[in-house]
């Protein structure tokens, strides 16, 4: 009777151990699934589609060239030009006061200066003219280098006129009168001067050359 009881207890204890082991194994928790929101949420370093990356440098603006200033044109050639010479003789007729004047109608602009020159050569005179012939000392389109010009007077273009004068002893003075204190000149020209240069020269007085014929009296 005792043997049976011991065997029965052993069987009960064994069965209890098996049951305990089975319950412990079934209670082991399985890993929890990753939440769906965590699987699809963008990382902190990603950028929305089409948005420029912060590391991308923005293009710099192309510098525009500075506009060039409009060049100031040279003044126009003087027009409406006239030359006048006045001679006043002293009471004793020993001394003459000579005044030469040049006038122009244009230009009359502010900031433009008129310069009047005497031409120191009778440029248009032939090398060996025939006796009894004459002609102008200066014609249009004749080059006038500085070497053949002497300055006689200057004035603002807006004045429209300029004069110069001198005194000299009366006597035989053929040709265009000119101040004995300066170089002799045969013609008178003028030009308009501005910041960009000067105009074409205009003839105020062309002067004249003359080859006397036999028997002609010079004075």
Protein backbone atom coordinates (compact mmCIF):
# COMPACT_ATOMS: atom_id res chain seq x y z
CA UNK A 1 0.00 0.00 0.00
CA UNK A 2 2.85 2.40 0.84
CA UNK A 3 4.67 1.56 -2.41
CA UNK A 4 1.71 2.49 -4.48
CA UNK A 5 1.33 5.75 -2.68
CA UNK A 6 4.94 6.74 -3.31
CA UNK A 7 4.71 5.90 -6.97
CA UNK A 8 1.50 7.82 -7.32
CA UNK A 9 3.07 10.90 -5.75
CA UNK A 10 6.04 10.71 -8.06
CA UNK A 11 3.75 10.61 -11.05
CA UNK A 12 1.80 13.62 -9.81
CA UNK A 13 4.98 15.61 -9.22
CA UNK A 14 6.29 14.76 -12.72
CA UNK A 15 3.02 15.79 -14.32
CA UNK A 16 3.08 19.07 -12.42
CA UNK A 17 6.59 19.85 -13.62
CA UNK A 18 5.62 19.19 -17.22
CA UNK A 19 2.61 21.46 -16.89
CA UNK A 20 4.71 24.19 -15.29
CA UNK A 21 7.29 24.06 -18.04
CA UNK A 22 4.58 24.29 -20.70
CA UNK A 23 3.01 27.33 -19.08
CA UNK A 24 6.33 29.14 -18.78
CA UNK A 25 7.20 28.54 -22.43
CA UNK A 26 3.84 29.86 -23.65
CA UNK A 27 4.14 33.07 -21.59
CA UNK A 28 7.28 34.26 -23.40
CA UNK A 29 6.20 37.61 -25.06
CA UNK A 30 6.74 37.99 -28.81
CA UNK A 31 8.44 41.18 -30.10
CA UNK A 32 5.97 44.01 -30.64
CA UNK A 33 5.52 45.09 -34.29
CA UNK A 34 7.08 48.37 -35.46
CA UNK A 35 4.41 51.09 -35.53
CA UNK A 36 3.36 52.02 -39.08
CA UNK A 37 3.86 55.73 -38.46
CA UNK A 38 7.46 55.17 -37.45
CA UNK A 39 8.18 53.16 -40.60
CA UNK A 40 7.04 55.81 -43.05
CA UNK A 41 7.96 59.04 -41.26
CA UNK A 42 10.76 60.96 -43.12
CA UNK A 43 14.13 61.27 -41.51
CA UNK A 44 15.14 64.57 -39.97
CA UNK A 45 17.70 65.23 -42.74
CA UNK A 46 15.42 64.67 -45.76
CA UNK A 47 13.95 67.56 -47.78
CA UNK A 48 10.56 67.78 -49.50
CA UNK A 49 10.53 66.99 -53.21
CA UNK A 50 11.46 70.02 -55.31
CA UNK A 51 12.71 72.09 -52.37
CA UNK A 52 16.28 73.37 -52.83
CA UNK A 53 18.88 71.91 -50.62
CA UNK A 54 20.30 74.26 -48.01
CA UNK A 55 23.80 73.43 -49.22
CA UNK A 56 23.03 74.54 -52.80
CA UNK A 57 24.42 78.08 -53.46
CA UNK A 58 22.02 80.50 -55.12
CA UNK A 59 23.27 81.86 -58.49
CA UNK A 60 24.85 85.32 -58.26
CA UNK A 61 23.45 88.14 -60.42
CA UNK A 62 25.47 88.93 -63.54
CA UNK A 63 26.90 92.48 -63.22
CA UNK A 64 25.53 94.84 -65.85
CA UNK A 65 28.00 97.10 -67.69
CA UNK A 66 27.79 100.78 -66.82
CA UNK A 67 26.27 102.86 -69.62
CA UNK A 68 28.84 104.91 -71.48
CA UNK A 69 28.30 108.67 -71.41
CA UNK A 70 27.10 110.17 -74.65
CA UNK A 71 30.05 111.96 -76.29
CA UNK A 72 29.68 115.71 -76.66
CA UNK A 73 29.82 116.65 -80.36
CA UNK A 74 32.20 119.35 -81.58
CA UNK A 75 30.58 122.73 -82.19
CA UNK A 76 29.29 123.50 -85.68
CA UNK A 77 31.19 125.64 -88.16
CA UNK A 78 30.48 129.36 -87.71
CA UNK A 79 27.97 130.73 -90.19
CA UNK A 80 26.80 134.19 -91.14
CA UNK A 81 30.40 135.41 -90.82
CA UNK A 82 31.38 138.95 -91.76
CA UNK A 83 34.64 140.91 -91.54
CA UNK A 84 34.98 144.67 -91.09
CA UNK A 85 37.95 147.02 -90.87
CA UNK A 86 37.77 150.60 -89.62
CA UNK A 87 40.65 153.12 -89.87
CA UNK A 88 40.74 156.35 -87.89
CA UNK A 89 43.56 158.76 -88.75
CA UNK A 90 44.86 161.30 -86.25
CA UNK A 91 44.40 164.99 -86.94
CA UNK A 92 47.98 165.31 -88.10
CA UNK A 93 47.55 162.18 -90.24
CA UNK A 94 50.65 160.70 -88.69
CA UNK A 95 49.03 157.85 -86.80
CA UNK A 96 46.18 155.55 -87.72
CA UNK A 97 44.04 153.50 -85.33
CA UNK A 98 42.87 150.35 -87.04
CA UNK A 99 40.06 148.17 -85.69
CA UNK A 100 39.16 144.84 -87.24
CA UNK A 101 35.92 143.08 -86.31
CA UNK A 102 34.48 139.65 -87.01
CA UNK A 103 30.80 138.83 -86.46
CA UNK A 104 28.87 135.56 -86.74
CA UNK A 105 25.25 134.50 -86.48
CA UNK A 106 25.87 130.96 -85.23
CA UNK A 107 26.80 129.24 -83.05
CA UNK A 108 25.67 131.30 -80.07
CA UNK A 109 25.78 128.45 -77.55
CA UNK A 110 26.94 128.81 -73.96
CA UNK A 111 30.20 127.00 -73.23
CA UNK A 112 31.51 127.50 -76.78
CA UNK A 113 34.39 129.85 -77.58
CA UNK A 114 35.17 131.55 -80.88
CA UNK A 115 38.85 131.92 -81.79
CA UNK A 116 39.93 134.19 -84.63
CA UNK A 117 43.24 133.56 -86.40
CA UNK A 118 45.33 135.34 -88.96
CA UNK A 119 46.77 133.10 -91.70
CA UNK A 120 50.44 133.99 -92.06
CA UNK A 121 50.84 132.72 -95.63
CA UNK A 122 49.05 133.63 -98.84
CA UNK A 123 48.41 129.94 -99.45
CA UNK A 124 46.41 130.17 -102.67
CA UNK A 125 48.83 132.47 -104.47
CA UNK A 126 50.42 130.76 -107.49
CA UNK A 127 54.15 130.22 -107.46
CA UNK A 128 54.74 132.57 -110.41
CA UNK A 129 51.60 134.54 -111.31
CA UNK A 130 51.38 136.55 -114.48
CA UNK A 131 51.83 140.34 -114.18
CA UNK A 132 48.53 142.15 -113.76
CA UNK A 133 46.76 139.18 -112.16
CA UNK A 134 45.28 138.77 -108.68
CA UNK A 135 43.26 136.33 -106.62
CA UNK A 136 42.30 135.25 -103.09
CA UNK A 137 44.97 134.20 -100.63
CA UNK A 138 42.69 131.55 -99.10
CA UNK A 139 39.97 129.29 -100.53
CA UNK A 140 37.68 126.73 -98.92
CA UNK A 141 38.94 123.23 -98.08
CA UNK A 142 42.48 124.52 -97.57
CA UNK A 143 44.33 122.78 -94.71
CA UNK A 144 45.32 125.22 -91.95
CA UNK A 145 48.04 123.71 -89.75
CA UNK A 146 48.97 125.51 -86.55
CA UNK A 147 52.22 126.64 -88.15
CA UNK A 148 50.36 129.08 -90.44
CA UNK A 149 47.97 130.49 -87.80
CA UNK A 150 48.43 133.34 -85.33
CA UNK A 151 45.75 134.02 -82.70
CA UNK A 152 44.12 137.44 -83.07
CA UNK A 153 41.17 137.39 -80.65
CA UNK A 154 38.80 135.16 -78.65
CA UNK A 155 35.26 135.65 -77.38
CA UNK A 156 32.31 133.61 -76.06
CA UNK A 157 30.21 132.36 -78.96
CA UNK A 158 27.15 133.95 -77.36
CA UNK A 159 28.64 137.43 -77.97
CA UNK A 160 28.30 137.11 -81.73
CA UNK A 161 31.18 139.53 -82.32
CA UNK A 162 34.81 140.20 -81.42
CA UNK A 163 37.22 143.04 -82.26
CA UNK A 164 40.91 143.80 -81.94
CA UNK A 165 42.75 147.08 -82.59
CA UNK A 166 46.19 148.67 -82.79
CA UNK A 167 47.83 151.91 -83.85
CA UNK A 168 50.56 152.40 -86.41
CA UNK A 169 52.16 155.13 -88.45
CA UNK A 170 50.38 155.95 -91.64
CA UNK A 171 52.11 155.07 -94.85
CA UNK A 172 52.02 152.65 -97.72
CA UNK A 173 50.43 149.43 -96.42
CA UNK A 174 49.16 147.37 -99.33
CA UNK A 175 47.08 144.29 -98.68
CA UNK A 176 45.27 143.38 -95.47
CA UNK A 177 46.25 145.60 -92.57
CA UNK A 178 47.83 143.85 -89.61
CA UNK A 179 49.49 144.82 -86.36
CA UNK A 180 53.22 145.52 -86.86
CA UNK A 181 53.86 144.14 -83.38
CA UNK A 182 52.88 140.64 -84.52
CA UNK A 183 53.51 138.41 -87.50
CA UNK A 184 51.92 139.64 -90.75
CA UNK A 185 48.78 137.78 -91.88
CA UNK A 186 47.05 137.65 -95.25
CA UNK A 187 43.67 136.09 -94.34
CA UNK A 188 41.38 135.87 -91.31
CA UNK A 189 39.58 132.70 -90.21
CA UNK A 190 37.63 131.59 -87.15
CA UNK A 191 36.45 128.37 -85.53
CA UNK A 192 34.16 127.36 -82.67
CA UNK A 193 35.87 125.53 -79.79
CA UNK A 194 34.23 123.24 -77.22
CA UNK A 195 35.21 120.44 -74.78
CA UNK A 196 35.38 117.87 -77.62
CA UNK A 197 37.45 119.94 -80.06
CA UNK A 198 36.88 122.64 -82.65
CA UNK A 199 34.75 123.08 -85.71
CA UNK A 200 35.85 123.47 -89.31
CA UNK A 201 37.40 126.87 -89.96
CA UNK A 202 35.27 129.52 -91.60
CA UNK A 203 36.82 132.24 -93.75
CA UNK A 204 36.09 135.75 -92.48
CA UNK A 205 38.45 137.52 -94.90
CA UNK A 206 40.22 135.65 -97.68
CA UNK A 207 42.72 138.45 -98.42
CA UNK A 208 44.10 138.95 -101.88
CA UNK A 209 47.33 138.58 -103.76
CA UNK A 210 48.20 140.90 -106.64
CA UNK A 211 51.02 140.88 -109.17
CA UNK A 212 51.40 144.46 -110.51
CA UNK A 213 51.56 144.95 -114.23
CA UNK A 214 54.23 147.14 -115.75
CA UNK A 215 53.38 150.75 -115.00
CA UNK A 216 51.10 150.00 -112.02
CA UNK A 217 51.64 152.16 -108.92
CA UNK A 218 51.71 150.14 -105.70
CA UNK A 219 51.03 153.07 -103.35
